Amino acid sequence: MHDQGHKVLTEEVFLLLQEALTSEVYPGDSKPAKPTATTFDLPSNQTSPRQHRLHLTMLAVDMPLFSDETRLRLLELYARKQYWREFWDVWRMAPRRGQPQSPPMYALMFRKIAETKNQKACIAVLRTWVPEMDAETPKIALDGEVAEAVRAVLEVAEPLVQEEAARNPGGRGEWIDLWRRTMQGGSFSPVR
């Protein structure tokens, strides 16, 4: 097909292959690697050797940035299997190419991290990616699905944040301020 001018390696092909390979049972799934800063302290399952090679090829091939739809499906797939190293590789595809993330990308990323119920990871992700939302061009508004997903992460990072914000309307703090922002769609101003 390539000889006839057809593109063989497309984002659709990579996605279909990764979905097909992920449905295989691999013994590495039950042996998570130790958490690292790269995975925001989430223990990452090992992909099969074939999945790993395909993933590395997908990252290395000189192609246009995958569409949001493709990257969202890959993030879903990797989160479901707890392939956190690969999850974050896909997440970083856009920034590595100088492209902004979209609100649906942020919403899905925050939702998947909240679903882990890993407090340490939730704290690290909030401290890293909420400020990045204001650095995006255009800025990512902290409203709608994004705000909902950030609140879910906040509830894992600080389980009493909603109660504390309600109990002390004038109170300030890293998580209370962020909680209030998610309730009103405000911009980022960290507490110092």
C-alpha atoms as a PDB file:
ATOM      1  CA  MET A   1       0.000   0.000   0.000  1.00  0.00           C
ATOM      2  CA  HIS A   2       2.829   2.380   0.844  1.00  0.00           C
ATOM      3  CA  ASP A   3       4.316   1.803  -2.636  1.00  0.00           C
ATOM      4  CA  GLN A   4       1.017   2.949  -4.140  1.00  0.00           C
ATOM      5  CA  GLY A   5       1.092   6.251  -2.249  1.00  0.00           C
ATOM      6  CA  HIS A   6      -1.220   5.237   0.579  1.00  0.00           C
ATOM      7  CA  LYS A   7      -0.322   6.223   4.097  1.00  0.00           C
ATOM      8  CA  VAL A   8       0.061   3.080   6.163  1.00  0.00           C
ATOM      9  CA  LEU A   9       0.977   4.642   9.492  1.00  0.00           C
ATOM     10  CA  THR A  10      -1.892   6.893  10.465  1.00  0.00           C
ATOM     11  CA  GLU A  11      -3.206   7.841  13.864  1.00  0.00           C
ATOM     12  CA  GLU A  12      -6.216   5.586  13.222  1.00  0.00           C
ATOM     13  CA  VAL A  13      -3.930   2.616  12.547  1.00  0.00           C
ATOM     14  CA  PHE A  14      -1.909   3.286  15.714  1.00  0.00           C
ATOM     15  CA  LEU A  15      -5.098   3.595  17.759  1.00  0.00           C
ATOM     16  CA  LEU A  16      -6.641   0.404  16.369  1.00  0.00           C
ATOM     17  CA  LEU A  17      -3.430  -1.551  16.909  1.00  0.00           C
ATOM     18  CA  GLN A  18      -3.041  -0.267  20.460  1.00  0.00           C
ATOM     19  CA  GLU A  19      -6.681  -1.109  21.247  1.00  0.00           C
ATOM     20  CA  ALA A  20      -6.235  -4.600  19.808  1.00  0.00           C
ATOM     21  CA  LEU A  21      -3.008  -5.226  21.719  1.00  0.00           C
ATOM     22  CA  THR A  22      -4.441  -3.863  24.963  1.00  0.00           C
ATOM     23  CA  SER A  23      -7.205  -6.437  24.912  1.00  0.00           C
ATOM     24  CA  GLU A  24      -4.551  -9.153  25.294  1.00  0.00           C
ATOM     25  CA  VAL A  25      -3.824 -10.409  28.787  1.00  0.00           C
ATOM     26  CA  TYR A  26      -0.212  -9.736  29.683  1.00  0.00           C
ATOM     27  CA  PRO A  27       1.409 -11.001  32.907  1.00  0.00           C
ATOM     28  CA  GLY A  28       3.000  -7.572  33.392  1.00  0.00           C
ATOM     29  CA  ASP A  29      -0.454  -6.175  34.160  1.00  0.00           C
ATOM     30  CA  SER A  30      -0.272  -7.667  37.631  1.00  0.00           C
ATOM     31  CA  LYS A  31       3.215  -6.317  38.389  1.00  0.00           C
ATOM     32  CA  PRO A  32       3.011  -2.537  38.566  1.00  0.00           C
ATOM     33  CA  ALA A  33       6.275  -0.652  38.373  1.00  0.00           C
ATOM     34  CA  LYS A  34       7.188   1.576  41.286  1.00  0.00           C
ATOM     35  CA  PRO A  35       5.570   5.006  41.180  1.00  0.00           C
ATOM     36  CA  THR A  36       7.769   7.792  39.853  1.00  0.00           C
ATOM     37  CA  ALA A  37       7.563  11.548  39.436  1.00  0.00           C
ATOM     38  CA  THR A  38       6.912  10.899  35.729  1.00  0.00           C
ATOM     39  CA  THR A  39       3.710   9.051  36.626  1.00  0.00           C
ATOM     40  CA  PHE A  40       2.760  11.512  39.395  1.00  0.00           C
ATOM     41  CA  ASP A  41       3.319   8.726  41.929  1.00  0.00           C
ATOM     42  CA  LEU A  42       0.823   6.375  40.296  1.00  0.00           C
ATOM     43  CA  PRO A  43       2.043   2.765  40.080  1.00  0.00           C
ATOM     44  CA  SER A  44       2.083   1.954  36.376  1.00  0.00           C
ATOM     45  CA  ASN A  45       1.349  -1.476  34.965  1.00  0.00           C
ATOM     46  CA  GLN A  46       3.768  -2.729  32.347  1.00  0.00           C
ATOM     47  CA  THR A  47       2.651  -2.891  28.772  1.00  0.00           C
ATOM     48  CA  SER A  48       3.451  -6.004  26.780  1.00  0.00           C
ATOM     49  CA  PRO A  49       6.648  -5.833  24.710  1.00  0.00           C
ATOM     50  CA  ARG A  50       4.544  -5.410  21.539  1.00  0.00           C
ATOM     51  CA  GLN A  51       2.481  -2.621  23.077  1.00  0.00           C
ATOM     52  CA  HIS A  52       5.641  -0.924  24.293  1.00  0.00           C
ATOM     53  CA  ARG A  53       7.264  -1.046  20.842  1.00  0.00           C
ATOM     54  CA  LEU A  54       4.084   0.252  19.221  1.00  0.00           C
ATOM     55  CA  HIS A  55       3.824   3.038  21.782  1.00  0.00           C
ATOM     56  CA  LEU A  56       7.443   4.110  21.233  1.00  0.00           C
ATOM     57  CA  THR A  57       6.945   4.002  17.461  1.00  0.00           C
ATOM     58  CA  MET A  58       3.794   6.088  17.798  1.00  0.00           C
ATOM     59  CA  LEU A  59       5.755   8.729  19.725  1.00  0.00           C
ATOM     60  CA  ALA A  60       8.749   8.666  17.387  1.00  0.00           C
ATOM     61  CA  VAL A  61       7.088   8.754  13.965  1.00  0.00           C
ATOM     62  CA  ASP A  62       7.051  12.181  12.360  1.00  0.00           C
ATOM     63  CA  MET A  63       3.316  12.722  11.934  1.00  0.00           C
ATOM     64  CA  PRO A  64       0.922  15.570  12.622  1.00  0.00           C
ATOM     65  CA  LEU A  65      -0.351  15.764  16.191  1.00  0.00           C
ATOM     66  CA  PHE A  66      -3.041  13.164  16.814  1.00  0.00           C
ATOM     67  CA  SER A  67      -6.556  14.560  17.024  1.00  0.00           C
ATOM     68  CA  ASP A  68      -8.161  15.155  20.406  1.00  0.00           C
ATOM     69  CA  GLU A  69     -10.505  12.248  19.708  1.00  0.00           C
ATOM     70  CA  THR A  70      -7.612   9.829  19.194  1.00  0.00           C
ATOM     71  CA  ARG A  71      -5.665  11.108  22.194  1.00  0.00           C
ATOM     72  CA  LEU A  72      -8.792  10.955  24.385  1.00  0.00           C
ATOM     73  CA  ARG A  73      -9.340   7.323  23.381  1.00  0.00           C
ATOM     74  CA  LEU A  74      -5.697   6.491  24.112  1.00  0.00           C
ATOM     75  CA  LEU A  75      -5.885   8.209  27.511  1.00  0.00           C
ATOM     76  CA  GLU A  76      -9.058   6.258  28.344  1.00  0.00           C
ATOM     77  CA  LEU A  77      -7.419   3.026  27.235  1.00  0.00           C
ATOM     78  CA  TYR A  78      -4.200   3.599  29.168  1.00  0.00           C
ATOM     79  CA  ALA A  79      -6.001   4.757  32.326  1.00  0.00           C
ATOM     80  CA  ARG A  80      -8.284   1.708  32.278  1.00  0.00           C
ATOM     81  CA  LYS A  81      -5.239  -0.598  32.161  1.00  0.00           C
ATOM     82  CA  GLN A  82      -3.250   1.633  34.557  1.00  0.00           C
ATOM     83  CA  TYR A  83      -0.513   2.248  32.005  1.00  0.00           C
ATOM     84  CA  TRP A  84       0.348   5.592  33.598  1.00  0.00           C
ATOM     85  CA  ARG A  85       3.725   6.078  31.910  1.00  0.00           C
ATOM     86  CA  GLU A  86       2.054   5.758  28.530  1.00  0.00           C
ATOM     87  CA  PHE A  87      -0.911   7.862  29.697  1.00  0.00           C
ATOM     88  CA  TRP A  88       1.389  10.789  30.475  1.00  0.00           C
ATOM     89  CA  ASP A  89       3.318  10.313  27.218  1.00  0.00           C
ATOM     90  CA  VAL A  90       0.070  10.755  25.289  1.00  0.00           C
ATOM     91  CA  TRP A  91      -0.938  13.682  27.496  1.00  0.00           C
ATOM     92  CA  ARG A  92       2.349  15.434  26.687  1.00  0.00           C
ATOM     93  CA  MET A  93       2.051  14.942  22.908  1.00  0.00           C
ATOM     94  CA  ALA A  94       0.468  18.372  22.346  1.00  0.00           C
ATOM     95  CA  PRO A  95       2.853  20.417  24.519  1.00  0.00           C
ATOM     96  CA  ARG A  96       5.856  18.660  22.956  1.00  0.00           C
ATOM     97  CA  ARG A  97       4.676  19.924  19.585  1.00  0.00           C
ATOM     98  CA  GLY A  98       3.947  23.408  20.869  1.00  0.00           C
ATOM     99  CA  GLN A  99       0.187  22.866  20.707  1.00  0.00           C
ATOM    100  CA  PRO A 100      -2.317  23.663  23.452  1.00  0.00           C
ATOM    101  CA  GLN A 101      -4.467  21.090  25.190  1.00  0.00           C
ATOM    102  CA  SER A 102      -8.218  21.452  24.819  1.00  0.00           C
ATOM    103  CA  PRO A 103     -10.792  21.642  27.645  1.00  0.00           C
ATOM    104  CA  PRO A 104     -12.002  18.064  26.920  1.00  0.00           C
ATOM    105  CA  MET A 105      -8.402  16.820  27.275  1.00  0.00           C
ATOM    106  CA  TYR A 106      -8.028  18.522  30.666  1.00  0.00           C
ATOM    107  CA  ALA A 107     -11.440  17.285  31.824  1.00  0.00           C
ATOM    108  CA  LEU A 108     -10.634  13.669  30.940  1.00  0.00           C
ATOM    109  CA  MET A 109      -7.153  13.818  32.464  1.00  0.00           C
ATOM    110  CA  PHE A 110      -8.452  15.205  35.766  1.00  0.00           C
ATOM    111  CA  ARG A 111     -11.350  12.704  35.832  1.00  0.00           C
ATOM    112  CA  LYS A 112      -9.044   9.737  35.294  1.00  0.00           C
ATOM    113  CA  ILE A 113      -6.674  10.910  38.022  1.00  0.00           C
ATOM    114  CA  ALA A 114      -9.575  11.414  40.455  1.00  0.00           C
ATOM    115  CA  GLU A 115     -10.762   7.871  39.725  1.00  0.00           C
ATOM    116  CA  THR A 116      -7.457   6.495  41.038  1.00  0.00           C
ATOM    117  CA  LYS A 117      -8.310   7.757  44.555  1.00  0.00           C
ATOM    118  CA  ASN A 118      -4.550   8.275  45.024  1.00  0.00           C
ATOM    119  CA  GLN A 119      -4.214  11.345  47.241  1.00  0.00           C
ATOM    120  CA  LYS A 120      -0.526  11.942  46.555  1.00  0.00           C
ATOM    121  CA  ALA A 121      -1.045  11.767  42.785  1.00  0.00           C
ATOM    122  CA  CYS A 122      -4.082  14.043  42.971  1.00  0.00           C
ATOM    123  CA  ILE A 123      -2.117  16.679  44.884  1.00  0.00           C
ATOM    124  CA  ALA A 124       0.793  16.521  42.422  1.00  0.00           C
ATOM    125  CA  VAL A 125      -1.499  16.702  39.390  1.00  0.00           C
ATOM    126  CA  LEU A 126      -3.427  19.693  40.766  1.00  0.00           C
ATOM    127  CA  ARG A 127      -0.232  21.576  41.583  1.00  0.00           C
ATOM    128  CA  THR A 128       1.227  20.856  38.159  1.00  0.00           C
ATOM    129  CA  TRP A 129      -1.665  21.125  35.729  1.00  0.00           C
ATOM    130  CA  VAL A 130      -4.065  23.720  37.155  1.00  0.00           C
ATOM    131  CA  PRO A 131      -1.446  26.491  36.732  1.00  0.00           C
ATOM    132  CA  GLU A 132      -0.715  25.154  33.227  1.00  0.00           C
ATOM    133  CA  MET A 133      -4.342  25.761  32.257  1.00  0.00           C
ATOM    134  CA  ASP A 134      -3.760  29.521  32.561  1.00  0.00           C
ATOM    135  CA  ALA A 135      -0.531  29.201  30.571  1.00  0.00           C
ATOM    136  CA  GLU A 136      -2.352  27.607  27.615  1.00  0.00           C
ATOM    137  CA  THR A 137      -3.148  29.774  24.611  1.00  0.00           C
ATOM    138  CA  PRO A 138      -6.041  30.230  24.783  1.00  0.00           C
ATOM    139  CA  LYS A 139      -6.404  29.836  28.545  1.00  0.00           C
ATOM    140  CA  ILE A 140      -8.466  26.889  29.721  1.00  0.00           C
ATOM    141  CA  ALA A 141     -11.450  28.178  31.682  1.00  0.00           C
ATOM    142  CA  LEU A 142     -12.076  26.510  35.005  1.00  0.00           C
ATOM    143  CA  ASP A 143     -15.743  25.883  34.334  1.00  0.00           C
ATOM    144  CA  GLY A 144     -18.084  23.197  33.040  1.00  0.00           C
ATOM    145  CA  GLU A 145     -16.609  19.702  32.727  1.00  0.00           C
ATOM    146  CA  VAL A 146     -13.114  20.919  33.585  1.00  0.00           C
ATOM    147  CA  ALA A 147     -14.290  22.460  36.880  1.00  0.00           C
ATOM    148  CA  GLU A 148     -16.283  19.326  37.679  1.00  0.00           C
ATOM    149  CA  ALA A 149     -13.238  17.120  37.068  1.00  0.00           C
ATOM    150  CA  VAL A 150     -10.940  19.385  39.113  1.00  0.00           C
ATOM    151  CA  ARG A 151     -13.442  19.242  42.001  1.00  0.00           C
ATOM    152  CA  ALA A 152     -13.326  15.434  41.822  1.00  0.00           C
ATOM    153  CA  VAL A 153      -9.518  15.534  42.114  1.00  0.00           C
ATOM    154  CA  LEU A 154      -9.755  18.080  44.937  1.00  0.00           C
ATOM    155  CA  GLU A 155     -12.086  15.810  46.891  1.00  0.00           C
ATOM    156  CA  VAL A 156      -9.408  13.110  46.815  1.00  0.00           C
ATOM    157  CA  ALA A 157      -6.550  15.529  47.562  1.00  0.00           C
ATOM    158  CA  GLU A 158      -8.420  17.130  50.469  1.00  0.00           C
ATOM    159  CA  PRO A 159     -11.568  15.164  51.354  1.00  0.00           C
ATOM    160  CA  LEU A 160     -13.026  17.936  53.554  1.00  0.00           C
ATOM    161  CA  VAL A 161     -12.416  20.826  51.152  1.00  0.00           C
ATOM    162  CA  GLN A 162     -16.089  21.402  50.338  1.00  0.00           C
ATOM    163  CA  GLU A 163     -17.073  21.424  54.018  1.00  0.00           C
ATOM    164  CA  GLU A 164     -14.172  23.708  54.951  1.00  0.00           C
ATOM    165  CA  ALA A 165     -15.051  26.176  52.193  1.00  0.00           C
ATOM    166  CA  ALA A 166     -18.702  26.245  53.309  1.00  0.00           C
ATOM    167  CA  ARG A 167     -17.887  26.455  57.034  1.00  0.00           C
ATOM    168  CA  ASN A 168     -15.417  29.309  56.639  1.00  0.00           C
ATOM    169  CA  PRO A 169     -16.544  31.674  53.832  1.00  0.00           C
ATOM    170  CA  GLY A 170     -13.617  34.040  54.424  1.00  0.00           C
ATOM    171  CA  GLY A 171     -11.065  31.257  54.823  1.00  0.00           C
ATOM    172  CA  ARG A 172      -8.177  30.917  52.444  1.00  0.00           C
ATOM    173  CA  GLY A 173      -5.852  28.143  51.501  1.00  0.00           C
ATOM    174  CA  GLU A 174      -4.541  26.354  48.461  1.00  0.00           C
ATOM    175  CA  TRP A 175      -7.412  23.881  48.167  1.00  0.00           C
ATOM    176  CA  ILE A 176     -10.215  26.126  49.459  1.00  0.00           C
ATOM    177  CA  ASP A 177      -9.265  28.835  46.956  1.00  0.00           C
ATOM    178  CA  LEU A 178      -9.159  26.312  44.132  1.00  0.00           C
ATOM    179  CA  TRP A 179     -12.506  24.826  45.213  1.00  0.00           C
ATOM    180  CA  ARG A 180     -14.071  28.286  45.087  1.00  0.00           C
ATOM    181  CA  ARG A 181     -12.587  28.922  41.666  1.00  0.00           C
ATOM    182  CA  THR A 182     -14.225  25.745  40.372  1.00  0.00           C
ATOM    183  CA  MET A 183     -17.542  26.992  41.704  1.00  0.00           C
ATOM    184  CA  GLN A 184     -17.275  30.346  39.947  1.00  0.00           C
ATOM    185  CA  GLY A 185     -14.984  29.763  36.951  1.00  0.00           C
ATOM    186  CA  GLY A 186     -12.225  32.111  38.193  1.00  0.00           C
ATOM    187  CA  SER A 187      -8.646  32.480  37.047  1.00  0.00           C
ATOM    188  CA  PHE A 188      -5.588  31.174  38.863  1.00  0.00           C
ATOM    189  CA  SER A 189      -4.061  33.119  41.753  1.00  0.00           C
ATOM    190  CA  PRO A 190      -2.050  30.867  44.063  1.00  0.00           C
ATOM    191  CA  VAL A 191      -1.972  31.506  47.798  1.00  0.00           C
ATOM    192  CA  ARG A 192       1.505  32.502  48.937  1.00  0.00           C
END
